[in-house]
Amino acid sequence: MLCDISMNGHLESVVGRAASAATSTVQTHDDAEDEILDRDEWQAWLDEQADVYNAKYLESALPIELSKAHTQNQSVGLLMIDVPMAAEDGRPAPEKTTALVKAAVRPTDHVVRYNDTSFLVILPRLNADLLRRIAVRIQNDLSEYLDVPSDADDAPCIGGVVAVPSAKKASTPDVVLNALKSSTAEARESDHRVAFQAIVGKKVQPLTPEPVVK
């Protein structure tokens, strides 16, 4: 499946096949054209400033992951990481944010730059407890990088959702993204700057806050 392939590995494979196509005398014109289309499609899914996917990729990946989790009767977690502007120049620092987020998640997780100040991560097969631990680590690391207390009003905040298996239909991307934005808004008002909700089908409910270990 497309979403099970790491971005770097897939891009290296595409580049390698494209190079081979350029030197091969037996590859047909149609095959070479397919390679170009494949490479261009992946380039369209990458953020220009950060070594991660962009929002266009999310439109394709999220429905696939939700459907796969439903079929396999597994949960899928999502995080929305809201990063304030860097104090020194008034602009986000996407490369450093990317590095800190990637260090806290698995290579197979999907890291997306959602907009100028927000990142989104899709984490298949994770429960609420593990998702919360990852969120706290990212929030602490980003706060340290920005040199602000992790509970300050201008500290990064993280909203999370866990879509759990349902006997009915899979959760839809619209329901999940709306719940994720709601969790992020709640996190901005929270002392811990982290908040979570659970989704079962189309039903959204808050997860009981747990002590956050700093």
Protein backbone atom coordinates (compact mmCIF):
# COMPACT_ATOMS: atom_id res chain seq x y z
CA MET A 1 0.00 0.00 0.00
CA LEU A 2 1.13 3.54 -0.80
CA CYS A 3 0.89 4.77 2.80
CA ASP A 4 3.07 1.95 4.15
CA ILE A 5 6.10 3.16 2.21
CA SER A 6 8.37 5.72 3.87
CA MET A 7 8.75 8.95 1.94
CA ASN A 8 12.52 8.89 1.66
CA GLY A 9 12.68 5.26 0.62
CA HIS A 10 10.05 5.70 -2.02
CA LEU A 11 11.62 8.86 -3.45
CA GLU A 12 15.02 7.16 -3.65
CA SER A 13 13.38 4.29 -5.50
CA VAL A 14 11.66 6.67 -7.92
CA VAL A 15 14.89 8.59 -8.60
CA GLY A 16 16.78 5.33 -9.10
CA ARG A 17 14.25 4.01 -11.56
CA ALA A 18 14.19 7.34 -13.39
CA ALA A 19 17.99 7.30 -13.76
CA SER A 20 17.86 3.75 -15.05
CA ALA A 21 15.21 4.76 -17.55
CA ALA A 22 17.43 7.55 -18.90
CA THR A 23 20.29 5.14 -19.72
CA SER A 24 18.34 2.08 -20.79
CA THR A 25 17.95 1.46 -24.53
CA VAL A 26 15.20 -1.12 -24.14
CA GLN A 27 12.69 0.79 -22.00
CA THR A 28 9.71 1.96 -24.01
CA HIS A 29 8.58 5.56 -24.31
CA ASP A 30 5.41 4.75 -22.35
CA ASP A 31 7.42 3.32 -19.45
CA ALA A 32 9.62 6.42 -19.30
CA GLU A 33 6.56 8.64 -19.35
CA ASP A 34 5.07 6.66 -16.43
CA GLU A 35 8.26 7.23 -14.43
CA ILE A 36 8.00 10.99 -14.97
CA LEU A 37 4.36 11.00 -13.88
CA ASP A 38 5.19 8.96 -10.78
CA ARG A 39 8.02 11.31 -9.82
CA ASP A 40 5.94 14.43 -10.48
CA GLU A 41 3.08 13.06 -8.38
CA TRP A 42 5.35 12.52 -5.39
CA GLN A 43 6.97 15.92 -5.80
CA ALA A 44 3.49 17.47 -5.68
CA TRP A 45 2.97 15.82 -2.27
CA LEU A 46 6.11 17.27 -0.67
CA ASP A 47 6.44 20.50 1.27
CA GLU A 48 9.01 22.83 -0.31
CA GLN A 49 10.47 24.07 2.97
CA ALA A 50 10.31 21.01 5.21
CA ASP A 51 11.27 17.41 4.53
CA VAL A 52 7.69 16.16 5.02
CA TYR A 53 4.42 15.77 3.15
CA ASN A 54 2.05 18.66 2.41
CA ALA A 55 -1.70 19.12 2.84
CA LYS A 56 -2.37 17.72 -0.63
CA TYR A 57 -0.84 14.41 0.43
CA LEU A 58 -3.11 14.38 3.48
CA GLU A 59 -6.17 14.43 1.23
CA SER A 60 -5.06 11.10 -0.25
CA ALA A 61 -3.47 9.42 2.77
CA LEU A 62 -6.07 10.09 5.48
CA PRO A 63 -9.02 8.28 3.83
CA ILE A 64 -6.76 5.31 3.10
CA GLU A 65 -5.50 5.04 6.68
CA LEU A 66 -9.00 5.38 8.18
CA SER A 67 -10.39 2.73 5.85
CA LYS A 68 -7.46 0.39 6.50
CA ALA A 69 -7.77 0.78 10.28
CA HIS A 70 -11.49 0.02 10.07
CA THR A 71 -10.91 -3.07 7.91
CA GLN A 72 -8.16 -4.37 10.22
CA ASN A 73 -10.10 -3.50 13.38
CA GLN A 74 -7.29 -1.27 14.64
CA SER A 75 -7.14 2.24 16.03
CA VAL A 76 -5.38 5.13 14.34
CA GLY A 77 -4.09 8.23 16.10
CA LEU A 78 -3.64 11.75 14.79
CA LEU A 79 -1.84 14.76 16.23
CA MET A 80 -2.14 18.40 15.24
CA ILE A 81 0.90 20.37 16.41
CA ASP A 82 0.36 24.12 16.58
CA VAL A 83 3.72 25.91 16.67
CA PRO A 84 3.91 29.65 17.44
CA MET A 85 6.03 31.99 15.39
CA ALA A 86 9.74 31.86 16.17
CA ALA A 87 10.52 34.78 18.44
CA GLU A 88 13.80 35.76 16.82
CA ASP A 89 12.49 36.57 13.34
CA GLY A 90 8.71 36.30 13.53
CA ARG A 91 8.59 33.31 11.19
CA PRO A 92 8.09 29.58 11.77
CA ALA A 93 11.13 27.33 11.72
CA PRO A 94 9.81 24.38 9.67
CA GLU A 95 13.07 22.47 9.33
CA LYS A 96 13.75 22.35 13.08
CA THR A 97 10.12 21.57 13.85
CA THR A 98 10.24 18.74 11.32
CA ALA A 99 13.36 17.27 12.93
CA LEU A 100 11.86 17.35 16.43
CA VAL A 101 8.58 15.80 15.31
CA LYS A 102 10.26 13.07 13.27
CA ALA A 103 12.51 12.19 16.21
CA ALA A 104 9.44 11.47 18.34
CA VAL A 105 7.48 9.31 15.89
CA ARG A 106 8.10 6.15 13.88
CA PRO A 107 9.56 6.17 10.34
CA THR A 108 6.29 4.70 9.05
CA ASP A 109 4.15 7.50 10.52
CA HIS A 110 2.96 10.25 8.19
CA VAL A 111 4.25 13.74 9.04
CA VAL A 112 2.45 16.53 7.18
CA ARG A 113 3.00 20.28 7.17
CA TYR A 114 -0.65 21.33 7.40
CA ASN A 115 -0.10 25.10 7.11
CA ASP A 116 2.46 27.76 8.04
CA THR A 117 2.34 27.09 11.79
CA SER A 118 0.80 23.61 12.10
CA PHE A 119 1.98 20.06 11.52
CA LEU A 120 -0.22 16.97 11.44
CA VAL A 121 0.88 13.38 12.08
CA ILE A 122 -1.01 10.19 11.23
CA LEU A 123 0.04 7.34 13.55
CA PRO A 124 -1.54 3.98 12.64
CA ARG A 125 -2.08 1.30 15.29
CA LEU A 126 -1.55 3.56 18.33
CA ASN A 127 -3.80 3.76 21.38
CA ALA A 128 -4.59 6.87 23.42
CA ASP A 129 -1.90 6.27 26.05
CA LEU A 130 0.95 5.95 23.55
CA LEU A 131 -0.35 8.86 21.53
CA ARG A 132 -0.45 11.05 24.63
CA ARG A 133 3.15 10.15 25.54
CA ILE A 134 4.33 11.09 22.06
CA ALA A 135 2.40 14.36 22.18
CA VAL A 136 3.92 15.32 25.53
CA ARG A 137 7.43 14.59 24.26
CA ILE A 138 6.92 16.73 21.15
CA GLN A 139 5.37 19.55 23.17
CA ASN A 140 8.28 19.53 25.65
CA ASP A 141 10.94 19.40 22.92
CA LEU A 142 9.36 22.23 20.92
CA SER A 143 8.95 24.37 24.05
CA GLU A 144 12.62 23.85 24.90
CA TYR A 145 13.65 24.77 21.35
CA LEU A 146 11.53 27.95 21.49
CA ASP A 147 12.88 28.67 24.99
CA VAL A 148 9.45 29.03 26.61
CA PRO A 149 7.92 27.15 29.57
CA SER A 150 5.90 24.20 28.29
CA ASP A 151 2.78 25.49 30.03
CA ALA A 152 3.14 29.11 28.88
CA ASP A 153 0.43 30.78 26.83
CA ASP A 154 2.79 31.06 23.87
CA ALA A 155 4.06 27.47 24.12
CA PRO A 156 3.25 24.95 21.37
CA CYS A 157 -0.05 23.16 21.80
CA ILE A 158 -1.08 19.74 20.52
CA GLY A 159 -4.53 18.36 19.83
CA GLY A 160 -4.99 14.63 19.35
CA VAL A 161 -7.69 12.18 18.34
CA VAL A 162 -7.87 8.41 18.42
CA ALA A 163 -10.23 6.82 15.91
CA VAL A 164 -11.16 3.47 17.46
CA PRO A 165 -12.65 0.50 15.60
CA SER A 166 -16.40 0.55 15.03
CA ALA A 167 -18.73 -2.23 13.92
CA LYS A 168 -20.28 0.21 11.46
CA LYS A 169 -18.54 2.47 8.95
CA ALA A 170 -15.07 3.92 9.25
CA SER A 171 -14.69 7.46 10.53
CA THR A 172 -14.68 10.01 7.74
CA PRO A 173 -11.83 12.47 7.14
CA ASP A 174 -14.15 15.43 7.78
CA VAL A 175 -15.20 14.10 11.19
CA VAL A 176 -11.60 13.34 12.15
CA LEU A 177 -10.18 16.70 11.04
CA ASN A 178 -12.97 18.64 12.76
CA ALA A 179 -12.36 16.71 15.99
CA LEU A 180 -8.62 17.30 15.64
CA LYS A 181 -9.12 21.06 15.26
CA SER A 182 -11.47 21.02 18.25
CA SER A 183 -8.86 19.20 20.35
CA THR A 184 -6.20 21.71 19.32
CA ALA A 185 -8.46 24.62 20.32
CA GLU A 186 -9.03 22.92 23.68
CA ALA A 187 -5.28 22.41 24.10
CA ARG A 188 -4.74 26.17 23.76
CA GLU A 189 -6.90 26.67 26.86
CA SER A 190 -5.37 23.76 28.79
CA ASP A 191 -2.69 24.14 31.44
CA HIS A 192 -0.82 21.24 29.83
CA ARG A 193 -1.25 22.55 26.27
CA VAL A 194 -2.33 19.04 25.19
CA ALA A 195 -5.89 17.71 24.69
CA PHE A 196 -7.42 14.57 23.19
CA GLN A 197 -10.70 13.21 21.91
CA ALA A 198 -11.85 9.75 20.88
CA ILE A 199 -13.85 8.96 17.75
CA VAL A 200 -16.05 5.91 17.27
CA GLY A 201 -17.58 6.05 13.82
CA LYS A 202 -19.05 9.56 13.71
CA LYS A 203 -19.34 9.95 17.48
CA VAL A 204 -16.75 12.21 19.14
CA GLN A 205 -16.13 12.29 22.87
CA PRO A 206 -13.39 13.84 25.04
CA LEU A 207 -10.84 11.57 26.63
CA THR A 208 -10.48 11.89 30.38
CA PRO A 209 -7.40 13.99 31.13
CA GLU A 210 -4.53 12.10 32.71
CA PRO A 211 -1.56 13.41 34.67
CA VAL A 212 1.10 14.60 32.27
CA VAL A 213 4.66 13.63 33.18
CA LYS A 214 7.09 16.36 32.17
